[in-house]
Amino acid sequence: MQLALPLVTHVPDDHAIRRSPGGGGRPGAGGPVVFARHRRARRYILRVLDDGTLRVTLPRGGSKRDAQAFVERSAAWIAKQRQKSIARPAIVHPNEPELRRRATRELPPALLALAAVHGVTVSRVSVRNQRSRWGACSSRGSITLNWRLVLVPDFVRDYVMVHELMHRRELNHSKRFWRHVAAACPRHDEARRWLLTEGQRLFTGGDTC
């Protein structure tokens, strides 16, 4: 689950990535805080990972001061999300090496098949152990998929792949992008809800990055 601040304040850029410890009454008390700048982000976004870490995404023109203020105003929401993480234990994968080999065999062909269906070109497909992403698409057409996609329902896996493929048409999350996703994946809303609930449990159980 994530929380977004709709307004962005433009100020001079600061460090791209910062990590702050929790506690001491500082923003994010009760767990570690990671500040990460994303060049395509249009707003400040908070996300509580399954290990309790608070990830704070800053837009390119945002400041850490505004991000910290957003964290402070969202203290109740953050505490609630961390409590949910404690209440929902992670799924452990004792056979992770075999699952990752299976993902390497199965996921790239599946994505390329979907790319052909939707008339999208892809320069490269790779499978990795991403810690907080299900997939990623570069401006050069390279798509990265999380090996954990072999553990999700087929319609969820297809949504993630379609999501990344539609970034070949719109390298952003604009309304036009979401129209492409909706047209190509009718169950996208259902799939997104699954990822925000059941899906997050798959990360802490493995070697997260």
N, C-alpha and C. Protein backbone atom coordinates (compact mmCIF):
# COMPACT_ATOMS: atom_id res chain seq x y z
N MET A 1 0.85 -1.19 0.00
CA MET A 1 0.00 0.00 0.00
C MET A 1 0.89 1.23 0.00
N GLN A 2 0.49 2.27 -0.74
CA GLN A 2 1.28 3.49 -0.76
C GLN A 2 0.36 4.70 -0.65
N LEU A 3 0.93 5.81 -0.21
CA LEU A 3 0.20 7.05 -0.03
C LEU A 3 0.93 8.13 -0.81
N ALA A 4 0.18 8.93 -1.58
CA ALA A 4 0.80 9.96 -2.42
C ALA A 4 0.32 11.34 -2.02
N LEU A 5 1.25 12.30 -2.07
CA LEU A 5 0.93 13.70 -1.83
C LEU A 5 0.70 14.35 -3.19
N PRO A 6 -0.49 14.90 -3.45
CA PRO A 6 -0.82 15.39 -4.79
C PRO A 6 -0.05 16.61 -5.25
N LEU A 7 0.45 17.43 -4.35
CA LEU A 7 1.12 18.66 -4.74
C LEU A 7 2.62 18.51 -4.61
N VAL A 8 3.37 19.10 -5.55
CA VAL A 8 4.82 19.03 -5.55
C VAL A 8 5.40 20.43 -5.47
N THR A 9 6.34 20.64 -4.57
CA THR A 9 7.03 21.92 -4.46
C THR A 9 8.36 21.81 -5.17
N HIS A 10 8.65 22.70 -6.09
CA HIS A 10 9.88 22.64 -6.86
C HIS A 10 10.96 23.47 -6.20
N VAL A 11 12.05 22.82 -5.84
CA VAL A 11 13.19 23.48 -5.21
C VAL A 11 14.44 22.87 -5.79
N PRO A 12 15.65 23.43 -5.51
CA PRO A 12 16.88 22.84 -6.03
C PRO A 12 17.03 21.39 -5.60
N ASP A 13 17.65 20.59 -6.44
CA ASP A 13 17.81 19.17 -6.20
C ASP A 13 18.73 18.91 -5.03
N ASP A 14 18.50 17.80 -4.28
CA ASP A 14 19.43 17.39 -3.24
C ASP A 14 19.87 15.98 -3.54
N HIS A 15 20.41 15.25 -2.57
CA HIS A 15 20.95 13.92 -2.85
C HIS A 15 19.88 13.01 -3.42
N ALA A 16 20.27 12.17 -4.33
CA ALA A 16 19.32 11.29 -5.02
C ALA A 16 18.71 10.27 -4.07
N ILE A 17 19.53 9.68 -3.21
CA ILE A 17 19.03 8.64 -2.32
C ILE A 17 19.63 8.84 -0.93
N ARG A 18 18.77 8.80 0.08
CA ARG A 18 19.24 8.89 1.46
C ARG A 18 18.50 7.88 2.30
N ARG A 19 19.19 7.35 3.29
CA ARG A 19 18.56 6.40 4.21
C ARG A 19 18.71 6.94 5.61
N SER A 20 17.61 6.97 6.36
CA SER A 20 17.63 7.48 7.72
C SER A 20 17.13 6.41 8.66
N PRO A 21 17.75 6.27 9.84
CA PRO A 21 17.27 5.29 10.81
C PRO A 21 15.99 5.76 11.46
N GLY A 22 15.19 4.83 11.96
CA GLY A 22 13.98 5.20 12.67
C GLY A 22 14.29 5.51 14.12
N GLY A 23 13.25 5.92 14.87
CA GLY A 23 13.41 6.17 16.29
C GLY A 23 13.76 7.60 16.60
N GLY A 24 13.84 7.91 17.90
CA GLY A 24 14.26 9.23 18.32
C GLY A 24 13.25 10.32 18.03
N GLY A 25 12.01 9.97 17.72
CA GLY A 25 11.01 10.98 17.46
C GLY A 25 11.11 11.58 16.07
N ARG A 26 12.00 11.09 15.26
CA ARG A 26 12.17 11.61 13.91
C ARG A 26 11.10 11.03 13.00
N PRO A 27 10.90 11.63 11.82
CA PRO A 27 9.92 11.07 10.88
C PRO A 27 10.21 9.60 10.63
N GLY A 28 9.15 8.80 10.66
CA GLY A 28 9.33 7.38 10.41
C GLY A 28 9.73 6.61 11.65
N ALA A 29 9.58 7.23 12.85
CA ALA A 29 9.96 6.55 14.09
C ALA A 29 9.27 5.20 14.16
N GLY A 30 10.04 4.20 14.61
CA GLY A 30 9.49 2.86 14.70
C GLY A 30 10.03 1.96 13.60
N GLY A 31 10.81 2.48 12.69
CA GLY A 31 11.38 1.70 11.61
C GLY A 31 12.26 2.56 10.74
N PRO A 32 13.11 1.94 9.90
CA PRO A 32 14.00 2.70 9.03
C PRO A 32 13.25 3.43 7.93
N VAL A 33 13.87 4.50 7.42
CA VAL A 33 13.27 5.31 6.37
C VAL A 33 14.26 5.43 5.22
N VAL A 34 13.78 5.21 4.00
CA VAL A 34 14.60 5.36 2.80
C VAL A 34 14.02 6.48 1.96
N PHE A 35 14.84 7.49 1.62
CA PHE A 35 14.43 8.57 0.73
C PHE A 35 15.03 8.29 -0.64
N ALA A 36 14.20 8.19 -1.66
CA ALA A 36 14.67 7.88 -3.01
C ALA A 36 14.04 8.83 -4.02
N ARG A 37 14.88 9.44 -4.85
CA ARG A 37 14.37 10.35 -5.87
C ARG A 37 14.10 9.57 -7.15
N HIS A 38 12.96 9.84 -7.79
CA HIS A 38 12.60 9.17 -9.04
C HIS A 38 12.30 10.24 -10.08
N ARG A 39 13.02 10.18 -11.19
CA ARG A 39 12.92 11.26 -12.18
C ARG A 39 11.55 11.34 -12.84
N ARG A 40 10.77 10.23 -12.83
CA ARG A 40 9.45 10.27 -13.46
C ARG A 40 8.32 10.51 -12.46
N ALA A 41 8.67 10.53 -11.17
CA ALA A 41 7.62 10.74 -10.16
C ALA A 41 7.09 12.16 -10.24
N ARG A 42 5.79 12.31 -10.07
CA ARG A 42 5.15 13.63 -10.13
C ARG A 42 4.70 14.10 -8.76
N ARG A 43 4.90 13.28 -7.74
CA ARG A 43 4.45 13.64 -6.40
C ARG A 43 5.27 12.87 -5.38
N TYR A 44 5.12 13.24 -4.13
CA TYR A 44 5.75 12.50 -3.05
C TYR A 44 4.91 11.26 -2.77
N ILE A 45 5.57 10.12 -2.59
CA ILE A 45 4.86 8.86 -2.37
C ILE A 45 5.47 8.14 -1.17
N LEU A 46 4.61 7.66 -0.28
CA LEU A 46 5.04 6.86 0.86
C LEU A 46 4.63 5.41 0.63
N ARG A 47 5.54 4.51 0.97
CA ARG A 47 5.23 3.09 0.88
C ARG A 47 5.91 2.35 2.01
N VAL A 48 5.14 1.58 2.75
CA VAL A 48 5.69 0.78 3.84
C VAL A 48 5.95 -0.63 3.32
N LEU A 49 7.22 -1.05 3.37
CA LEU A 49 7.58 -2.38 2.91
C LEU A 49 7.29 -3.40 4.01
N ASP A 50 7.32 -4.66 3.67
CA ASP A 50 6.94 -5.70 4.62
C ASP A 50 7.88 -5.78 5.82
N ASP A 51 9.12 -5.32 5.68
CA ASP A 51 10.04 -5.35 6.82
C ASP A 51 9.89 -4.12 7.71
N GLY A 52 8.90 -3.27 7.41
CA GLY A 52 8.67 -2.07 8.21
C GLY A 52 9.36 -0.83 7.69
N THR A 53 10.22 -0.99 6.69
CA THR A 53 10.91 0.16 6.12
C THR A 53 9.93 1.10 5.43
N LEU A 54 10.06 2.38 5.69
CA LEU A 54 9.24 3.38 5.00
C LEU A 54 10.03 3.91 3.82
N ARG A 55 9.52 3.71 2.61
CA ARG A 55 10.17 4.22 1.40
C ARG A 55 9.47 5.51 0.99
N VAL A 56 10.23 6.59 0.92
CA VAL A 56 9.70 7.89 0.56
C VAL A 56 10.24 8.27 -0.81
N THR A 57 9.37 8.33 -1.81
CA THR A 57 9.78 8.69 -3.17
C THR A 57 9.60 10.18 -3.38
N LEU A 58 10.67 10.84 -3.84
CA LEU A 58 10.63 12.27 -4.11
C LEU A 58 10.61 12.50 -5.62
N PRO A 59 9.80 13.44 -6.10
CA PRO A 59 9.86 13.79 -7.53
C PRO A 59 11.15 14.53 -7.81
N ARG A 60 11.47 14.69 -9.07
CA ARG A 60 12.75 15.29 -9.45
C ARG A 60 12.94 16.67 -8.84
N GLY A 61 11.88 17.47 -8.74
CA GLY A 61 12.02 18.82 -8.22
C GLY A 61 11.67 18.95 -6.75
N GLY A 62 11.47 17.83 -6.04
CA GLY A 62 11.06 17.89 -4.65
C GLY A 62 12.23 18.01 -3.69
N SER A 63 11.93 18.33 -2.44
CA SER A 63 12.96 18.47 -1.42
C SER A 63 12.76 17.48 -0.29
N LYS A 64 13.85 17.15 0.39
CA LYS A 64 13.74 16.24 1.52
C LYS A 64 12.94 16.89 2.64
N ARG A 65 13.03 18.21 2.79
CA ARG A 65 12.28 18.89 3.83
C ARG A 65 10.78 18.68 3.63
N ASP A 66 10.29 18.87 2.40
CA ASP A 66 8.87 18.65 2.13
C ASP A 66 8.49 17.19 2.30
N ALA A 67 9.42 16.29 1.92
CA ALA A 67 9.15 14.86 2.08
C ALA A 67 9.00 14.50 3.56
N GLN A 68 9.88 15.04 4.41
CA GLN A 68 9.81 14.77 5.84
C GLN A 68 8.51 15.32 6.44
N ALA A 69 8.09 16.49 5.96
CA ALA A 69 6.84 17.07 6.45
C ALA A 69 5.67 16.17 6.07
N PHE A 70 5.70 15.60 4.88
CA PHE A 70 4.65 14.68 4.43
C PHE A 70 4.64 13.44 5.32
N VAL A 71 5.83 12.95 5.68
CA VAL A 71 5.93 11.79 6.56
C VAL A 71 5.31 12.10 7.92
N GLU A 72 5.63 13.27 8.46
CA GLU A 72 5.11 13.65 9.77
C GLU A 72 3.58 13.74 9.76
N ARG A 73 3.03 14.31 8.69
CA ARG A 73 1.57 14.43 8.61
C ARG A 73 0.89 13.08 8.42
N SER A 74 1.65 12.10 7.95
CA SER A 74 1.08 10.78 7.64
C SER A 74 1.43 9.74 8.70
N ALA A 75 1.81 10.19 9.89
CA ALA A 75 2.26 9.26 10.93
C ALA A 75 1.23 8.19 11.25
N ALA A 76 -0.04 8.57 11.33
CA ALA A 76 -1.08 7.59 11.66
C ALA A 76 -1.21 6.55 10.56
N TRP A 77 -1.16 6.98 9.32
CA TRP A 77 -1.26 6.04 8.19
C TRP A 77 -0.07 5.09 8.19
N ILE A 78 1.13 5.63 8.45
CA ILE A 78 2.34 4.80 8.46
C ILE A 78 2.24 3.74 9.55
N ALA A 79 1.81 4.13 10.74
CA ALA A 79 1.68 3.19 11.85
C ALA A 79 0.69 2.08 11.50
N LYS A 80 -0.41 2.45 10.86
CA LYS A 80 -1.42 1.47 10.47
C LYS A 80 -0.87 0.47 9.48
N GLN A 81 -0.10 0.95 8.49
CA GLN A 81 0.47 0.06 7.49
C GLN A 81 1.50 -0.87 8.10
N ARG A 82 2.30 -0.36 9.03
CA ARG A 82 3.30 -1.20 9.69
C ARG A 82 2.62 -2.28 10.53
N GLN A 83 1.51 -1.93 11.14
CA GLN A 83 0.78 -2.92 11.93
C GLN A 83 0.23 -4.02 11.03
N LYS A 84 -0.24 -3.64 9.85
CA LYS A 84 -0.73 -4.64 8.90
C LYS A 84 0.38 -5.61 8.50
N SER A 85 1.59 -5.07 8.33
CA SER A 85 2.73 -5.92 7.94
C SER A 85 3.02 -6.95 9.02
N ILE A 86 2.89 -6.54 10.29
CA ILE A 86 3.13 -7.46 11.40
C ILE A 86 2.05 -8.52 11.44
N ALA A 87 0.81 -8.11 11.16
CA ALA A 87 -0.33 -9.03 11.25
C ALA A 87 -0.34 -10.05 10.12
N ARG A 88 0.29 -9.72 8.99
CA ARG A 88 0.28 -10.63 7.84
C ARG A 88 1.68 -11.18 7.62
N PRO A 89 1.99 -12.36 8.14
CA PRO A 89 3.34 -12.91 8.01
C PRO A 89 3.72 -13.16 6.56
N ALA A 90 4.98 -13.04 6.29
CA ALA A 90 5.47 -13.24 4.93
C ALA A 90 5.45 -14.72 4.57
N ILE A 91 5.41 -14.97 3.27
CA ILE A 91 5.45 -16.33 2.75
C ILE A 91 6.91 -16.70 2.49
N VAL A 92 7.37 -17.77 3.09
CA VAL A 92 8.76 -18.19 2.94
C VAL A 92 8.87 -19.20 1.80
N HIS A 93 9.94 -19.10 1.02
CA HIS A 93 10.14 -19.96 -0.15
C HIS A 93 11.40 -20.80 0.03
N PRO A 94 11.30 -21.98 0.62
CA PRO A 94 12.50 -22.81 0.84
C PRO A 94 13.13 -23.29 -0.47
N ASN A 95 12.33 -23.32 -1.54
CA ASN A 95 12.85 -23.78 -2.84
C ASN A 95 13.11 -22.60 -3.78
N GLU A 96 13.55 -21.49 -3.23
CA GLU A 96 13.75 -20.29 -4.04
C GLU A 96 14.69 -20.49 -5.23
N PRO A 97 15.84 -21.17 -5.08
CA PRO A 97 16.72 -21.35 -6.25
C PRO A 97 16.02 -21.98 -7.44
N GLU A 98 15.20 -23.00 -7.19
CA GLU A 98 14.48 -23.65 -8.29
C GLU A 98 13.42 -22.72 -8.87
N LEU A 99 12.77 -21.95 -8.01
CA LEU A 99 11.77 -21.01 -8.49
C LEU A 99 12.40 -19.95 -9.39
N ARG A 100 13.58 -19.51 -9.03
CA ARG A 100 14.26 -18.50 -9.85
C ARG A 100 14.70 -19.08 -11.19
N ARG A 101 15.12 -20.32 -11.19
CA ARG A 101 15.47 -20.97 -12.47
C ARG A 101 14.22 -21.13 -13.34
N ARG A 102 13.12 -21.49 -12.70
CA ARG A 102 11.86 -21.62 -13.44
C ARG A 102 11.44 -20.27 -14.03
N ALA A 103 11.59 -19.21 -13.25
CA ALA A 103 11.23 -17.88 -13.73
C ALA A 103 12.06 -17.49 -14.94
N THR A 104 13.34 -17.82 -14.92
CA THR A 104 14.22 -17.49 -16.04
C THR A 104 13.80 -18.22 -17.31
N ARG A 105 13.28 -19.45 -17.14
CA ARG A 105 12.82 -20.22 -18.30
C ARG A 105 11.47 -19.72 -18.82
N GLU A 106 10.56 -19.40 -17.91
CA GLU A 106 9.17 -19.17 -18.30
C GLU A 106 8.79 -17.71 -18.57
N LEU A 107 9.33 -16.79 -17.80
CA LEU A 107 8.84 -15.41 -17.89
C LEU A 107 9.21 -14.69 -19.20
N PRO A 108 10.46 -14.76 -19.67
CA PRO A 108 10.78 -14.05 -20.91
C PRO A 108 9.93 -14.49 -22.10
N PRO A 109 9.75 -15.81 -22.36
CA PRO A 109 8.88 -16.20 -23.48
C PRO A 109 7.45 -15.71 -23.32
N ALA A 110 6.95 -15.73 -22.09
CA ALA A 110 5.58 -15.27 -21.86
C ALA A 110 5.44 -13.79 -22.17
N LEU A 111 6.44 -13.00 -21.77
CA LEU A 111 6.38 -11.56 -22.06
C LEU A 111 6.48 -11.30 -23.56
N LEU A 112 7.37 -11.99 -24.23
CA LEU A 112 7.52 -11.78 -25.67
C LEU A 112 6.26 -12.18 -26.43
N ALA A 113 5.56 -13.21 -25.95
CA ALA A 113 4.30 -13.60 -26.59
C ALA A 113 3.27 -12.49 -26.44
N LEU A 114 3.19 -11.88 -25.25
CA LEU A 114 2.26 -10.77 -25.05
C LEU A 114 2.66 -9.56 -25.88
N ALA A 115 3.97 -9.34 -26.00
CA ALA A 115 4.45 -8.22 -26.81
C ALA A 115 4.00 -8.38 -28.26
N ALA A 116 4.05 -9.61 -28.77
CA ALA A 116 3.63 -9.87 -30.15
C ALA A 116 2.12 -9.63 -30.31
N VAL A 117 1.36 -10.03 -29.30
CA VAL A 117 -0.09 -9.85 -29.36
C VAL A 117 -0.46 -8.37 -29.45
N HIS A 118 0.26 -7.54 -28.70
CA HIS A 118 -0.06 -6.12 -28.62
C HIS A 118 0.79 -5.25 -29.57
N GLY A 119 1.59 -5.90 -30.40
CA GLY A 119 2.38 -5.15 -31.38
C GLY A 119 3.42 -4.25 -30.76
N VAL A 120 4.05 -4.73 -29.70
CA VAL A 120 5.07 -3.95 -28.99
C VAL A 120 6.44 -4.59 -29.19
N THR A 121 7.45 -3.80 -29.44
CA THR A 121 8.80 -4.32 -29.59
C THR A 121 9.57 -4.19 -28.28
N VAL A 122 10.36 -5.21 -27.99
CA VAL A 122 11.17 -5.24 -26.77
C VAL A 122 12.59 -5.57 -27.16
N SER A 123 13.55 -4.83 -26.63
CA SER A 123 14.95 -5.07 -26.99
C SER A 123 15.59 -6.17 -26.16
N ARG A 124 15.12 -6.32 -24.92
CA ARG A 124 15.72 -7.32 -24.04
C ARG A 124 14.78 -7.62 -22.88
N VAL A 125 14.80 -8.88 -22.42
CA VAL A 125 14.01 -9.28 -21.25
C VAL A 125 14.95 -9.96 -20.26
N SER A 126 14.93 -9.51 -19.02
CA SER A 126 15.75 -10.12 -17.99
C SER A 126 14.92 -10.39 -16.75
N VAL A 127 15.33 -11.36 -15.96
CA VAL A 127 14.65 -11.73 -14.73
C VAL A 127 15.59 -11.48 -13.57
N ARG A 128 15.13 -10.72 -12.58
CA ARG A 128 16.00 -10.35 -11.46
C ARG A 128 15.28 -10.51 -10.12
N ASN A 129 16.05 -10.26 -9.07
CA ASN A 129 15.53 -10.33 -7.71
C ASN A 129 15.28 -8.91 -7.19
N GLN A 130 14.31 -8.25 -7.76
CA GLN A 130 13.98 -6.88 -7.36
C GLN A 130 13.30 -6.88 -6.01
N ARG A 131 13.65 -5.93 -5.15
CA ARG A 131 13.13 -5.95 -3.79
C ARG A 131 11.78 -5.28 -3.65
N SER A 132 11.48 -4.31 -4.45
CA SER A 132 10.21 -3.60 -4.26
C SER A 132 9.44 -3.40 -5.56
N ARG A 133 9.95 -3.92 -6.65
CA ARG A 133 9.28 -3.78 -7.94
C ARG A 133 8.93 -5.14 -8.52
N TRP A 134 7.82 -5.17 -9.23
CA TRP A 134 7.45 -6.38 -9.96
C TRP A 134 8.02 -6.36 -11.37
N GLY A 135 8.32 -5.19 -11.88
CA GLY A 135 8.88 -5.10 -13.22
C GLY A 135 9.37 -3.69 -13.48
N ALA A 136 10.10 -3.52 -14.57
CA ALA A 136 10.60 -2.21 -14.95
C ALA A 136 10.85 -2.19 -16.46
N CYS A 137 10.70 -1.01 -17.05
CA CYS A 137 10.93 -0.85 -18.49
C CYS A 137 11.82 0.36 -18.70
N SER A 138 12.89 0.20 -19.46
CA SER A 138 13.81 1.30 -19.74
C SER A 138 13.40 2.03 -21.01
N SER A 139 13.96 3.20 -21.21
CA SER A 139 13.66 3.99 -22.41
C SER A 139 14.16 3.31 -23.68
N ARG A 140 15.06 2.35 -23.54
CA ARG A 140 15.60 1.63 -24.69
C ARG A 140 14.84 0.36 -25.00
N GLY A 141 13.78 0.11 -24.25
CA GLY A 141 12.96 -1.07 -24.54
C GLY A 141 13.38 -2.33 -23.83
N SER A 142 14.23 -2.19 -22.81
CA SER A 142 14.63 -3.35 -22.02
C SER A 142 13.67 -3.52 -20.84
N ILE A 143 13.12 -4.72 -20.67
CA ILE A 143 12.16 -4.98 -19.61
C ILE A 143 12.75 -5.97 -18.61
N THR A 144 12.61 -5.63 -17.34
CA THR A 144 13.07 -6.48 -16.25
C THR A 144 11.86 -6.98 -15.48
N LEU A 145 11.84 -8.27 -15.18
CA LEU A 145 10.74 -8.88 -14.45
C LEU A 145 11.25 -9.49 -13.15
N ASN A 146 10.42 -9.45 -12.12
CA ASN A 146 10.76 -10.05 -10.83
C ASN A 146 10.49 -11.54 -10.89
N TRP A 147 11.44 -12.35 -10.41
CA TRP A 147 11.26 -13.81 -10.47
C TRP A 147 10.01 -14.27 -9.71
N ARG A 148 9.54 -13.48 -8.74
CA ARG A 148 8.38 -13.87 -7.95
C ARG A 148 7.08 -13.91 -8.76
N LEU A 149 7.13 -13.45 -9.99
CA LEU A 149 5.94 -13.51 -10.83
C LEU A 149 5.49 -14.95 -11.12
N VAL A 150 6.38 -15.91 -10.92
CA VAL A 150 5.96 -17.31 -11.11
C VAL A 150 5.08 -17.77 -9.96
N LEU A 151 4.97 -16.95 -8.89
CA LEU A 151 4.19 -17.32 -7.73
C LEU A 151 2.80 -16.69 -7.70
N VAL A 152 2.54 -15.79 -8.61
CA VAL A 152 1.26 -15.06 -8.58
C VAL A 152 0.28 -15.70 -9.57
N PRO A 153 -1.02 -15.40 -9.41
CA PRO A 153 -2.01 -15.91 -10.38
C PRO A 153 -1.70 -15.43 -11.80
N ASP A 154 -2.13 -16.19 -12.78
CA ASP A 154 -1.82 -15.86 -14.17
C ASP A 154 -2.29 -14.46 -14.56
N PHE A 155 -3.49 -14.06 -14.11
CA PHE A 155 -4.00 -12.77 -14.53
C PHE A 155 -3.20 -11.62 -13.92
N VAL A 156 -2.60 -11.88 -12.75
CA VAL A 156 -1.75 -10.86 -12.12
C VAL A 156 -0.41 -10.77 -12.86
N ARG A 157 0.16 -11.92 -13.18
CA ARG A 157 1.40 -11.94 -13.94
C ARG A 157 1.22 -11.23 -15.28
N ASP A 158 0.11 -11.52 -15.96
CA ASP A 158 -0.15 -10.88 -17.25
C ASP A 158 -0.30 -9.37 -17.10
N TYR A 159 -0.94 -8.94 -16.00
CA TYR A 159 -1.08 -7.49 -15.79
C TYR A 159 0.28 -6.82 -15.64
N VAL A 160 1.16 -7.42 -14.85
CA VAL A 160 2.49 -6.83 -14.66
C VAL A 160 3.22 -6.73 -16.00
N MET A 161 3.14 -7.78 -16.79
CA MET A 161 3.81 -7.77 -18.09
C MET A 161 3.20 -6.73 -19.03
N VAL A 162 1.88 -6.66 -19.06
CA VAL A 162 1.21 -5.67 -19.90
C VAL A 162 1.57 -4.26 -19.44
N HIS A 163 1.61 -4.07 -18.13
CA HIS A 163 1.98 -2.76 -17.57
C HIS A 163 3.33 -2.31 -18.12
N GLU A 164 4.32 -3.21 -18.06
CA GLU A 164 5.65 -2.83 -18.56
C GLU A 164 5.65 -2.67 -20.08
N LEU A 165 4.90 -3.49 -20.78
CA LEU A 165 4.83 -3.37 -22.23
C LEU A 165 4.21 -2.04 -22.65
N MET A 166 3.20 -1.59 -21.93
CA MET A 166 2.57 -0.32 -22.27
C MET A 166 3.48 0.88 -22.02
N HIS A 167 4.53 0.67 -21.23
CA HIS A 167 5.52 1.74 -21.07
C HIS A 167 6.33 1.93 -22.36
N ARG A 168 6.25 0.99 -23.27
CA ARG A 168 6.90 1.16 -24.57
C ARG A 168 6.12 2.18 -25.41
N ARG A 169 4.87 2.41 -25.04
CA ARG A 169 4.05 3.43 -25.72
C ARG A 169 4.05 4.74 -24.95
N GLU A 170 4.02 4.64 -23.63
CA GLU A 170 4.02 5.83 -22.76
C GLU A 170 4.96 5.55 -21.59
N LEU A 171 6.12 6.20 -21.58
CA LEU A 171 7.10 5.95 -20.52
C LEU A 171 6.79 6.83 -19.31
N ASN A 172 5.58 6.68 -18.79
CA ASN A 172 5.11 7.47 -17.66
C ASN A 172 3.86 6.78 -17.10
N HIS A 173 3.21 7.41 -16.15
CA HIS A 173 1.96 6.88 -15.62
C HIS A 173 0.84 7.90 -15.81
N SER A 174 0.79 8.44 -16.99
CA SER A 174 -0.23 9.43 -17.34
C SER A 174 -1.58 8.76 -17.55
N LYS A 175 -2.62 9.56 -17.73
CA LYS A 175 -3.95 9.01 -18.03
C LYS A 175 -3.92 8.22 -19.33
N ARG A 176 -3.14 8.70 -20.30
CA ARG A 176 -3.03 7.97 -21.57
C ARG A 176 -2.42 6.59 -21.36
N PHE A 177 -1.39 6.53 -20.50
CA PHE A 177 -0.77 5.24 -20.20
C PHE A 177 -1.80 4.27 -19.61
N TRP A 178 -2.56 4.73 -18.62
CA TRP A 178 -3.53 3.84 -17.98
C TRP A 178 -4.65 3.44 -18.93
N ARG A 179 -4.95 4.27 -19.91
CA ARG A 179 -5.94 3.86 -20.93
C ARG A 179 -5.39 2.71 -21.75
N HIS A 180 -4.11 2.77 -22.07
CA HIS A 180 -3.48 1.65 -22.80
C HIS A 180 -3.56 0.37 -21.97
N VAL A 181 -3.23 0.46 -20.66
CA VAL A 181 -3.25 -0.71 -19.79
C VAL A 181 -4.67 -1.28 -19.70
N ALA A 182 -5.65 -0.41 -19.51
CA ALA A 182 -7.04 -0.88 -19.38
C ALA A 182 -7.52 -1.58 -20.64
N ALA A 183 -7.13 -1.07 -21.79
CA ALA A 183 -7.55 -1.68 -23.05
C ALA A 183 -6.90 -3.05 -23.25
N ALA A 184 -5.66 -3.19 -22.79
CA ALA A 184 -4.93 -4.44 -23.01
C ALA A 184 -5.15 -5.46 -21.90
N CYS A 185 -5.60 -5.00 -20.73
CA CYS A 185 -5.75 -5.90 -19.59
C CYS A 185 -7.02 -5.55 -18.83
N PRO A 186 -8.15 -6.14 -19.17
CA PRO A 186 -9.44 -5.80 -18.54
C PRO A 186 -9.46 -6.02 -17.03
N ARG A 187 -8.63 -6.93 -16.51
CA ARG A 187 -8.64 -7.21 -15.07
C ARG A 187 -7.54 -6.45 -14.32
N HIS A 188 -7.10 -5.34 -14.88
CA HIS A 188 -5.97 -4.63 -14.28
C HIS A 188 -6.28 -4.12 -12.88
N ASP A 189 -7.50 -3.64 -12.62
CA ASP A 189 -7.84 -3.15 -11.28
C ASP A 189 -7.79 -4.29 -10.26
N GLU A 190 -8.33 -5.44 -10.63
CA GLU A 190 -8.31 -6.60 -9.74
C GLU A 190 -6.88 -7.05 -9.46
N ALA A 191 -6.05 -7.03 -10.51
CA ALA A 191 -4.66 -7.44 -10.36
C ALA A 191 -3.89 -6.49 -9.46
N ARG A 192 -4.13 -5.20 -9.60
CA ARG A 192 -3.44 -4.22 -8.76
C ARG A 192 -3.82 -4.40 -7.30
N ARG A 193 -5.09 -4.68 -7.04
CA ARG A 193 -5.51 -4.91 -5.66
C ARG A 193 -4.83 -6.14 -5.08
N TRP A 194 -4.69 -7.19 -5.90
CA TRP A 194 -4.03 -8.40 -5.42
C TRP A 194 -2.58 -8.12 -5.06
N LEU A 195 -1.90 -7.34 -5.88
CA LEU A 195 -0.49 -7.02 -5.62
C LEU A 195 -0.33 -6.21 -4.33
N LEU A 196 -1.28 -5.34 -4.05
CA LEU A 196 -1.19 -4.51 -2.86
C LEU A 196 -1.52 -5.27 -1.58
N THR A 197 -2.18 -6.39 -1.69
CA THR A 197 -2.54 -7.17 -0.51
C THR A 197 -1.70 -8.44 -0.44
N GLU A 198 -2.05 -9.44 -1.22
CA GLU A 198 -1.33 -10.71 -1.20
C GLU A 198 0.09 -10.59 -1.73
N GLY A 199 0.27 -9.79 -2.74
CA GLY A 199 1.57 -9.72 -3.40
C GLY A 199 2.71 -9.28 -2.52
N GLN A 200 2.47 -8.34 -1.61
CA GLN A 200 3.55 -7.82 -0.79
C GLN A 200 4.13 -8.87 0.15
N ARG A 201 3.35 -9.88 0.48
CA ARG A 201 3.83 -10.95 1.36
C ARG A 201 4.92 -11.79 0.70
N LEU A 202 5.00 -11.75 -0.60
CA LEU A 202 5.99 -12.57 -1.31
C LEU A 202 7.40 -12.02 -1.22
N PHE A 203 7.53 -10.75 -0.87
CA PHE A 203 8.85 -10.14 -0.85
C PHE A 203 9.66 -10.49 0.39
N THR A 204 9.09 -10.31 1.58
CA THR A 204 9.86 -10.51 2.78
C THR A 204 10.30 -11.95 2.96
N GLY A 205 9.54 -12.87 2.39
CA GLY A 205 9.88 -14.27 2.56
C GLY A 205 11.13 -14.70 1.83
N GLY A 206 11.58 -13.92 0.86
CA GLY A 206 12.75 -14.30 0.10
C GLY A 206 13.91 -13.38 0.34
N ASP A 207 14.89 -13.41 -0.53
CA ASP A 207 16.07 -12.56 -0.44
C ASP A 207 15.72 -11.23 -1.06
N THR A 208 15.17 -10.34 -0.29
CA THR A 208 14.67 -9.08 -0.85
C THR A 208 15.78 -8.11 -1.17
N CYS A 209 15.55 -7.27 -2.19
CA CYS A 209 16.54 -6.27 -2.57
C CYS A 209 15.90 -4.92 -2.72
